[in-house]
Amino acid sequence: MRFLIQRTAQAQVTVDDNVIGSIGKGYLVLIGVCDSDTEETADLYIRKMLGLRIFEDEAGKTNLSLQDVNGGLLLVSQFTLYASCKKGNRPGFSEAGSPEHAKKLYEYIIARCRETVPVVQTGEFGAEMKVSLVNDGPFTIMLDESILPAGKRKES
């Protein structure tokens, strides 16, 4: 699983010229899923994401979490986070999860986030989307398998 988290001042997703998701201050999270990912893996990533302290406090230190600043989430499925550019110039996506598995976990992640975050907006799984944001900072964090306990990481 991979979460690319971008701290935003604002972000939105458009499908067919219609805005389907929009937030102000918060995180735009691009979510990539592989076939070995589980709900347990998703829970770990969600806990880590929501626990990140990457918003500035009154002293200008990155010390506040999403919940501390009443931020929103814009969650967008992004299989291209599993692009491999090892061979040639055309990326391969064989490491990305099957659409059925990825959609199931994406929907699970949305549901779990809605349990604790008041504003959760989404993209549309499998759609051609236009994603725009004002990256605040800019501040971008990649959560990948390095956050997993040693026994849960894929062997390279």
N, C-alpha and C. Protein backbone atom coordinates (compact mmCIF):
# COMPACT_ATOMS: atom_id res chain seq x y z
N MET A 1 0.86 -1.17 0.00
CA MET A 1 0.00 0.00 0.00
C MET A 1 0.90 1.23 0.00
N ARG A 2 0.41 2.24 -0.65
CA ARG A 2 1.13 3.51 -0.67
C ARG A 2 0.12 4.64 -0.52
N PHE A 3 0.44 5.58 0.38
CA PHE A 3 -0.33 6.80 0.55
C PHE A 3 0.61 7.95 0.23
N LEU A 4 0.29 8.75 -0.76
CA LEU A 4 1.02 9.98 -1.02
C LEU A 4 0.16 11.11 -0.45
N ILE A 5 0.64 11.71 0.63
CA ILE A 5 -0.12 12.68 1.40
C ILE A 5 0.41 14.07 1.10
N GLN A 6 -0.47 14.94 0.65
CA GLN A 6 -0.09 16.32 0.38
C GLN A 6 -0.91 17.24 1.27
N ARG A 7 -0.20 18.03 2.07
CA ARG A 7 -0.89 18.99 2.94
C ARG A 7 -1.40 20.11 2.05
N THR A 8 -2.71 20.40 2.17
CA THR A 8 -3.32 21.35 1.25
C THR A 8 -3.92 22.56 1.94
N ALA A 9 -3.96 23.64 1.19
CA ALA A 9 -4.78 24.79 1.55
C ALA A 9 -6.16 24.60 0.93
N GLN A 10 -6.17 23.92 -0.23
CA GLN A 10 -7.42 23.52 -0.90
C GLN A 10 -7.09 22.48 -1.95
N ALA A 11 -8.06 21.62 -2.24
CA ALA A 11 -7.90 20.59 -3.27
C ALA A 11 -9.27 20.18 -3.78
N GLN A 12 -9.30 19.72 -5.03
CA GLN A 12 -10.57 19.24 -5.59
C GLN A 12 -10.32 18.21 -6.68
N VAL A 13 -11.35 17.40 -6.92
CA VAL A 13 -11.35 16.40 -7.97
C VAL A 13 -12.55 16.68 -8.88
N THR A 14 -12.28 16.64 -10.18
CA THR A 14 -13.31 16.89 -11.19
C THR A 14 -13.41 15.68 -12.10
N VAL A 15 -14.63 15.26 -12.41
CA VAL A 15 -14.91 14.22 -13.39
C VAL A 15 -15.93 14.79 -14.37
N ASP A 16 -15.60 14.73 -15.65
CA ASP A 16 -16.51 15.26 -16.69
C ASP A 16 -16.95 16.69 -16.39
N ASP A 17 -16.01 17.53 -16.02
CA ASP A 17 -16.25 18.95 -15.73
C ASP A 17 -17.13 19.20 -14.51
N ASN A 18 -17.38 18.15 -13.69
CA ASN A 18 -18.14 18.32 -12.45
C ASN A 18 -17.23 18.08 -11.26
N VAL A 19 -17.23 19.02 -10.32
CA VAL A 19 -16.46 18.84 -9.08
C VAL A 19 -17.18 17.79 -8.26
N ILE A 20 -16.47 16.68 -7.95
CA ILE A 20 -17.09 15.61 -7.17
C ILE A 20 -16.55 15.54 -5.75
N GLY A 21 -15.44 16.21 -5.49
CA GLY A 21 -14.86 16.24 -4.15
C GLY A 21 -14.03 17.48 -3.98
N SER A 22 -14.13 18.12 -2.82
CA SER A 22 -13.41 19.36 -2.59
C SER A 22 -13.19 19.56 -1.09
N ILE A 23 -11.99 20.00 -0.73
CA ILE A 23 -11.69 20.33 0.67
C ILE A 23 -10.89 21.63 0.72
N GLY A 24 -10.84 22.21 1.90
CA GLY A 24 -9.96 23.34 2.17
C GLY A 24 -8.69 22.79 2.80
N LYS A 25 -8.38 23.28 3.98
CA LYS A 25 -7.20 22.83 4.71
C LYS A 25 -7.33 21.34 5.02
N GLY A 26 -6.27 20.59 4.74
CA GLY A 26 -6.32 19.17 5.02
C GLY A 26 -5.29 18.40 4.24
N TYR A 27 -5.65 17.16 3.88
CA TYR A 27 -4.77 16.30 3.11
C TYR A 27 -5.46 15.84 1.84
N LEU A 28 -4.76 15.95 0.73
CA LEU A 28 -5.09 15.21 -0.48
C LEU A 28 -4.26 13.94 -0.38
N VAL A 29 -4.91 12.78 -0.40
CA VAL A 29 -4.21 11.51 -0.25
C VAL A 29 -4.44 10.67 -1.50
N LEU A 30 -3.36 10.42 -2.23
CA LEU A 30 -3.40 9.51 -3.37
C LEU A 30 -3.09 8.13 -2.82
N ILE A 31 -3.95 7.14 -3.13
CA ILE A 31 -3.87 5.82 -2.50
C ILE A 31 -3.61 4.76 -3.56
N GLY A 32 -2.51 4.04 -3.38
CA GLY A 32 -2.18 2.91 -4.25
C GLY A 32 -2.28 1.61 -3.46
N VAL A 33 -2.84 0.60 -4.10
CA VAL A 33 -3.06 -0.70 -3.44
C VAL A 33 -2.40 -1.79 -4.28
N CYS A 34 -1.78 -2.76 -3.59
CA CYS A 34 -1.28 -3.95 -4.28
C CYS A 34 -2.06 -5.16 -3.76
N ASP A 35 -1.93 -6.29 -4.46
CA ASP A 35 -2.77 -7.45 -4.14
C ASP A 35 -2.50 -8.05 -2.77
N SER A 36 -1.31 -7.82 -2.20
CA SER A 36 -1.02 -8.39 -0.88
C SER A 36 -1.55 -7.53 0.27
N ASP A 37 -2.09 -6.36 -0.03
CA ASP A 37 -2.63 -5.48 1.02
C ASP A 37 -3.92 -6.04 1.59
N THR A 38 -4.13 -5.76 2.88
CA THR A 38 -5.30 -6.24 3.60
C THR A 38 -5.94 -5.07 4.35
N GLU A 39 -7.09 -5.34 4.97
CA GLU A 39 -7.72 -4.33 5.83
C GLU A 39 -6.80 -3.99 7.00
N GLU A 40 -6.08 -4.97 7.51
CA GLU A 40 -5.12 -4.72 8.59
C GLU A 40 -4.04 -3.74 8.13
N THR A 41 -3.55 -3.92 6.91
CA THR A 41 -2.56 -2.99 6.36
C THR A 41 -3.17 -1.59 6.25
N ALA A 42 -4.37 -1.52 5.73
CA ALA A 42 -5.05 -0.23 5.58
C ALA A 42 -5.21 0.47 6.93
N ASP A 43 -5.59 -0.28 7.96
CA ASP A 43 -5.76 0.30 9.30
C ASP A 43 -4.45 0.91 9.79
N LEU A 44 -3.34 0.24 9.55
CA LEU A 44 -2.03 0.76 9.97
C LEU A 44 -1.72 2.07 9.25
N TYR A 45 -1.96 2.12 7.95
CA TYR A 45 -1.70 3.33 7.18
C TYR A 45 -2.61 4.47 7.63
N ILE A 46 -3.87 4.17 7.89
CA ILE A 46 -4.81 5.20 8.34
C ILE A 46 -4.37 5.76 9.68
N ARG A 47 -4.01 4.88 10.61
CA ARG A 47 -3.53 5.36 11.93
C ARG A 47 -2.31 6.25 11.78
N LYS A 48 -1.37 5.84 10.95
CA LYS A 48 -0.15 6.62 10.75
C LYS A 48 -0.49 7.98 10.13
N MET A 49 -1.33 7.97 9.09
CA MET A 49 -1.71 9.21 8.41
C MET A 49 -2.39 10.18 9.37
N LEU A 50 -3.38 9.68 10.12
CA LEU A 50 -4.12 10.56 11.02
C LEU A 50 -3.28 11.02 12.20
N GLY A 51 -2.24 10.29 12.52
CA GLY A 51 -1.36 10.68 13.61
C GLY A 51 -0.25 11.63 13.23
N LEU A 52 -0.03 11.80 11.92
CA LEU A 52 1.04 12.70 11.49
C LEU A 52 0.82 14.10 12.05
N ARG A 53 1.90 14.68 12.52
CA ARG A 53 1.84 16.05 13.04
C ARG A 53 2.62 16.93 12.06
N ILE A 54 1.93 17.37 11.00
CA ILE A 54 2.61 18.13 9.95
C ILE A 54 1.99 19.51 9.70
N PHE A 55 1.10 19.92 10.59
CA PHE A 55 0.56 21.28 10.53
C PHE A 55 1.28 22.12 11.58
N GLU A 56 1.45 23.39 11.26
CA GLU A 56 2.19 24.27 12.16
C GLU A 56 1.34 24.71 13.35
N ASP A 57 2.00 24.75 14.52
CA ASP A 57 1.36 25.30 15.71
C ASP A 57 1.61 26.81 15.76
N GLU A 58 1.20 27.44 16.86
CA GLU A 58 1.34 28.89 16.98
C GLU A 58 2.80 29.35 16.98
N ALA A 59 3.74 28.44 17.27
CA ALA A 59 5.15 28.78 17.26
C ALA A 59 5.80 28.47 15.90
N GLY A 60 5.00 28.02 14.94
CA GLY A 60 5.53 27.73 13.61
C GLY A 60 6.17 26.36 13.48
N LYS A 61 6.03 25.51 14.50
CA LYS A 61 6.58 24.15 14.46
C LYS A 61 5.54 23.19 13.91
N THR A 62 5.98 22.22 13.11
CA THR A 62 5.05 21.20 12.61
C THR A 62 4.77 20.25 13.77
N ASN A 63 3.68 20.54 14.45
CA ASN A 63 3.37 19.86 15.70
C ASN A 63 1.90 19.48 15.83
N LEU A 64 1.08 19.81 14.83
CA LEU A 64 -0.36 19.56 14.93
C LEU A 64 -0.81 18.52 13.90
N SER A 65 -1.78 17.71 14.30
CA SER A 65 -2.33 16.69 13.42
C SER A 65 -3.51 17.25 12.62
N LEU A 66 -4.00 16.45 11.70
CA LEU A 66 -5.17 16.80 10.90
C LEU A 66 -6.35 17.14 11.80
N GLN A 67 -6.57 16.32 12.82
CA GLN A 67 -7.70 16.55 13.73
C GLN A 67 -7.50 17.81 14.57
N ASP A 68 -6.25 18.12 14.92
CA ASP A 68 -5.97 19.32 15.70
C ASP A 68 -6.38 20.59 14.96
N VAL A 69 -6.31 20.55 13.62
CA VAL A 69 -6.62 21.74 12.82
C VAL A 69 -7.99 21.63 12.13
N ASN A 70 -8.77 20.60 12.50
CA ASN A 70 -10.08 20.37 11.88
C ASN A 70 -9.99 20.29 10.36
N GLY A 71 -8.95 19.59 9.89
CA GLY A 71 -8.73 19.47 8.45
C GLY A 71 -9.60 18.40 7.82
N GLY A 72 -9.73 18.49 6.51
CA GLY A 72 -10.49 17.52 5.75
C GLY A 72 -9.58 16.57 4.99
N LEU A 73 -10.17 15.51 4.47
CA LEU A 73 -9.46 14.54 3.64
C LEU A 73 -10.09 14.49 2.26
N LEU A 74 -9.26 14.44 1.25
CA LEU A 74 -9.70 14.16 -0.11
C LEU A 74 -8.93 12.91 -0.54
N LEU A 75 -9.63 11.78 -0.61
CA LEU A 75 -9.02 10.47 -0.88
C LEU A 75 -9.24 10.10 -2.34
N VAL A 76 -8.13 9.81 -3.04
CA VAL A 76 -8.19 9.53 -4.47
C VAL A 76 -7.41 8.25 -4.76
N SER A 77 -8.06 7.29 -5.38
CA SER A 77 -7.40 6.05 -5.78
C SER A 77 -6.41 6.35 -6.91
N GLN A 78 -5.19 5.79 -6.81
CA GLN A 78 -4.13 6.15 -7.76
C GLN A 78 -3.23 4.94 -8.00
N PHE A 79 -3.64 4.04 -8.91
CA PHE A 79 -2.86 2.83 -9.16
C PHE A 79 -1.47 3.15 -9.70
N THR A 80 -1.28 4.33 -10.29
CA THR A 80 0.03 4.66 -10.86
C THR A 80 1.10 4.87 -9.80
N LEU A 81 0.72 4.88 -8.53
CA LEU A 81 1.75 4.91 -7.47
C LEU A 81 2.58 3.64 -7.49
N TYR A 82 2.10 2.61 -8.17
CA TYR A 82 2.84 1.36 -8.31
C TYR A 82 3.53 1.24 -9.67
N ALA A 83 3.77 2.35 -10.33
CA ALA A 83 4.47 2.32 -11.61
C ALA A 83 5.91 1.83 -11.40
N SER A 84 6.35 0.98 -12.31
CA SER A 84 7.74 0.54 -12.32
C SER A 84 8.38 1.07 -13.60
N CYS A 85 9.50 1.74 -13.43
CA CYS A 85 10.22 2.31 -14.57
C CYS A 85 11.59 1.64 -14.73
N LYS A 86 11.69 0.40 -14.26
CA LYS A 86 12.97 -0.32 -14.29
C LYS A 86 13.42 -0.63 -15.71
N LYS A 87 12.46 -0.93 -16.59
CA LYS A 87 12.81 -1.30 -17.96
C LYS A 87 12.18 -0.32 -18.93
N GLY A 88 12.97 0.19 -19.85
CA GLY A 88 12.45 1.06 -20.90
C GLY A 88 11.89 2.36 -20.37
N ASN A 89 11.12 3.01 -21.22
CA ASN A 89 10.55 4.32 -20.89
C ASN A 89 9.05 4.31 -20.64
N ARG A 90 8.42 3.18 -20.85
CA ARG A 90 6.99 3.07 -20.59
C ARG A 90 6.81 2.38 -19.23
N PRO A 91 6.19 3.07 -18.27
CA PRO A 91 6.00 2.45 -16.96
C PRO A 91 5.15 1.19 -17.04
N GLY A 92 5.47 0.23 -16.19
CA GLY A 92 4.65 -0.97 -16.04
C GLY A 92 3.89 -0.90 -14.74
N PHE A 93 2.72 -1.52 -14.71
CA PHE A 93 1.86 -1.44 -13.53
C PHE A 93 1.50 -2.81 -12.98
N SER A 94 2.33 -3.80 -13.22
CA SER A 94 2.02 -5.16 -12.79
C SER A 94 2.00 -5.32 -11.27
N GLU A 95 2.62 -4.40 -10.54
CA GLU A 95 2.62 -4.49 -9.08
C GLU A 95 1.35 -3.90 -8.47
N ALA A 96 0.58 -3.15 -9.25
CA ALA A 96 -0.67 -2.56 -8.74
C ALA A 96 -1.69 -3.67 -8.50
N GLY A 97 -2.53 -3.48 -7.53
CA GLY A 97 -3.56 -4.46 -7.20
C GLY A 97 -4.61 -4.58 -8.29
N SER A 98 -5.28 -5.70 -8.33
CA SER A 98 -6.38 -5.87 -9.28
C SER A 98 -7.44 -4.81 -8.99
N PRO A 99 -8.17 -4.37 -10.00
CA PRO A 99 -9.20 -3.36 -9.77
C PRO A 99 -10.21 -3.76 -8.70
N GLU A 100 -10.62 -5.03 -8.68
CA GLU A 100 -11.61 -5.47 -7.70
C GLU A 100 -11.07 -5.35 -6.27
N HIS A 101 -9.84 -5.81 -6.07
CA HIS A 101 -9.22 -5.76 -4.75
C HIS A 101 -8.96 -4.31 -4.34
N ALA A 102 -8.42 -3.53 -5.27
CA ALA A 102 -8.10 -2.13 -4.96
C ALA A 102 -9.36 -1.33 -4.60
N LYS A 103 -10.45 -1.55 -5.35
CA LYS A 103 -11.69 -0.82 -5.07
C LYS A 103 -12.23 -1.19 -3.69
N LYS A 104 -12.18 -2.46 -3.37
CA LYS A 104 -12.67 -2.91 -2.06
C LYS A 104 -11.89 -2.23 -0.92
N LEU A 105 -10.56 -2.20 -1.04
CA LEU A 105 -9.76 -1.58 0.01
C LEU A 105 -9.90 -0.06 0.02
N TYR A 106 -10.02 0.55 -1.15
CA TYR A 106 -10.24 1.99 -1.23
C TYR A 106 -11.55 2.36 -0.50
N GLU A 107 -12.61 1.61 -0.76
CA GLU A 107 -13.88 1.86 -0.08
C GLU A 107 -13.78 1.61 1.42
N TYR A 108 -13.00 0.63 1.81
CA TYR A 108 -12.77 0.35 3.24
C TYR A 108 -12.07 1.55 3.89
N ILE A 109 -11.04 2.06 3.22
CA ILE A 109 -10.28 3.21 3.75
C ILE A 109 -11.20 4.42 3.91
N ILE A 110 -12.03 4.67 2.93
CA ILE A 110 -12.98 5.80 3.01
C ILE A 110 -13.89 5.62 4.23
N ALA A 111 -14.46 4.45 4.38
CA ALA A 111 -15.38 4.19 5.50
C ALA A 111 -14.68 4.37 6.84
N ARG A 112 -13.47 3.84 6.96
CA ARG A 112 -12.74 3.96 8.23
C ARG A 112 -12.41 5.42 8.54
N CYS A 113 -11.99 6.17 7.54
CA CYS A 113 -11.67 7.58 7.76
C CYS A 113 -12.91 8.37 8.17
N ARG A 114 -14.05 8.03 7.59
CA ARG A 114 -15.30 8.74 7.93
C ARG A 114 -15.73 8.49 9.37
N GLU A 115 -15.20 7.47 10.01
CA GLU A 115 -15.52 7.20 11.41
C GLU A 115 -14.92 8.25 12.34
N THR A 116 -13.82 8.91 11.91
CA THR A 116 -13.14 9.84 12.81
C THR A 116 -12.91 11.24 12.23
N VAL A 117 -12.99 11.39 10.92
CA VAL A 117 -12.73 12.69 10.30
C VAL A 117 -14.06 13.24 9.78
N PRO A 118 -14.45 14.44 10.25
CA PRO A 118 -15.75 14.98 9.86
C PRO A 118 -15.93 15.24 8.36
N VAL A 119 -14.87 15.68 7.68
CA VAL A 119 -14.97 16.00 6.25
C VAL A 119 -14.08 15.04 5.47
N VAL A 120 -14.70 14.08 4.79
CA VAL A 120 -13.99 13.15 3.92
C VAL A 120 -14.65 13.20 2.55
N GLN A 121 -13.91 13.67 1.56
CA GLN A 121 -14.36 13.72 0.18
C GLN A 121 -13.54 12.70 -0.62
N THR A 122 -14.02 12.33 -1.80
CA THR A 122 -13.33 11.30 -2.57
C THR A 122 -13.32 11.62 -4.05
N GLY A 123 -12.43 10.90 -4.72
CA GLY A 123 -12.48 10.84 -6.17
C GLY A 123 -13.45 9.75 -6.56
N GLU A 124 -13.41 9.34 -7.83
CA GLU A 124 -14.27 8.26 -8.32
C GLU A 124 -13.38 7.14 -8.82
N PHE A 125 -13.46 6.00 -8.18
CA PHE A 125 -12.60 4.87 -8.52
C PHE A 125 -12.71 4.54 -10.01
N GLY A 126 -11.56 4.46 -10.68
CA GLY A 126 -11.51 4.06 -12.08
C GLY A 126 -11.87 5.13 -13.09
N ALA A 127 -12.27 6.30 -12.63
CA ALA A 127 -12.67 7.37 -13.55
C ALA A 127 -11.46 8.17 -14.01
N GLU A 128 -11.61 8.83 -15.13
CA GLU A 128 -10.63 9.81 -15.60
C GLU A 128 -10.90 11.08 -14.80
N MET A 129 -9.96 11.44 -13.92
CA MET A 129 -10.17 12.56 -13.00
C MET A 129 -9.16 13.66 -13.25
N LYS A 130 -9.55 14.86 -12.93
CA LYS A 130 -8.65 16.00 -12.88
C LYS A 130 -8.54 16.38 -11.41
N VAL A 131 -7.32 16.33 -10.90
CA VAL A 131 -7.08 16.62 -9.49
C VAL A 131 -6.26 17.90 -9.40
N SER A 132 -6.74 18.85 -8.62
CA SER A 132 -5.99 20.10 -8.45
C SER A 132 -5.84 20.37 -6.96
N LEU A 133 -4.76 21.06 -6.64
CA LEU A 133 -4.54 21.40 -5.24
C LEU A 133 -3.64 22.60 -5.12
N VAL A 134 -3.74 23.24 -3.98
CA VAL A 134 -2.76 24.20 -3.53
C VAL A 134 -2.03 23.48 -2.41
N ASN A 135 -0.82 23.01 -2.71
CA ASN A 135 -0.02 22.26 -1.75
C ASN A 135 0.54 23.26 -0.75
N ASP A 136 0.17 23.12 0.49
CA ASP A 136 0.55 24.04 1.56
C ASP A 136 1.94 23.70 2.07
N GLY A 137 2.90 24.52 1.75
CA GLY A 137 4.26 24.31 2.22
C GLY A 137 5.29 24.60 1.13
N PRO A 138 5.40 23.77 0.12
CA PRO A 138 4.71 22.50 -0.09
C PRO A 138 5.16 21.46 0.92
N PHE A 139 4.25 20.57 1.24
CA PHE A 139 4.51 19.51 2.22
C PHE A 139 3.90 18.23 1.68
N THR A 140 4.74 17.25 1.35
CA THR A 140 4.30 15.98 0.79
C THR A 140 5.02 14.84 1.50
N ILE A 141 4.27 13.84 1.93
CA ILE A 141 4.80 12.67 2.64
C ILE A 141 4.37 11.41 1.92
N MET A 142 5.30 10.46 1.75
CA MET A 142 4.96 9.16 1.17
C MET A 142 4.98 8.12 2.28
N LEU A 143 3.84 7.47 2.48
CA LEU A 143 3.79 6.31 3.37
C LEU A 143 3.83 5.08 2.48
N ASP A 144 4.81 4.22 2.71
CA ASP A 144 4.92 2.99 1.94
C ASP A 144 5.25 1.86 2.89
N GLU A 145 5.69 0.74 2.35
CA GLU A 145 5.88 -0.44 3.20
C GLU A 145 6.94 -0.24 4.29
N SER A 146 7.72 0.84 4.22
CA SER A 146 8.71 1.08 5.26
C SER A 146 8.07 1.32 6.63
N ILE A 147 6.77 1.63 6.67
CA ILE A 147 6.11 1.83 7.97
C ILE A 147 5.62 0.51 8.57
N LEU A 148 5.69 -0.57 7.78
CA LEU A 148 5.21 -1.88 8.26
C LEU A 148 6.24 -2.54 9.15
N PRO A 149 5.79 -3.36 10.11
CA PRO A 149 6.73 -4.15 10.89
C PRO A 149 7.56 -5.04 9.95
N ALA A 150 8.80 -5.34 10.32
CA ALA A 150 9.73 -6.06 9.46
C ALA A 150 9.14 -7.34 8.85
N GLY A 151 8.39 -8.09 9.58
CA GLY A 151 7.83 -9.35 9.08
C GLY A 151 6.72 -9.18 8.06
N LYS A 152 6.18 -7.97 7.93
CA LYS A 152 5.08 -7.71 7.00
C LYS A 152 5.52 -7.08 5.68
N ARG A 153 6.82 -6.73 5.57
CA ARG A 153 7.32 -6.09 4.35
C ARG A 153 7.56 -7.13 3.27
N LYS A 154 7.36 -6.69 2.01
CA LYS A 154 7.66 -7.56 0.88
C LYS A 154 9.16 -7.73 0.76
N GLU A 155 9.58 -8.92 0.34
CA GLU A 155 10.99 -9.16 0.08
C GLU A 155 11.32 -8.64 -1.30
N SER A 156 12.44 -7.92 -1.43
CA SER A 156 12.83 -7.39 -2.73
C SER A 156 13.65 -8.36 -3.51
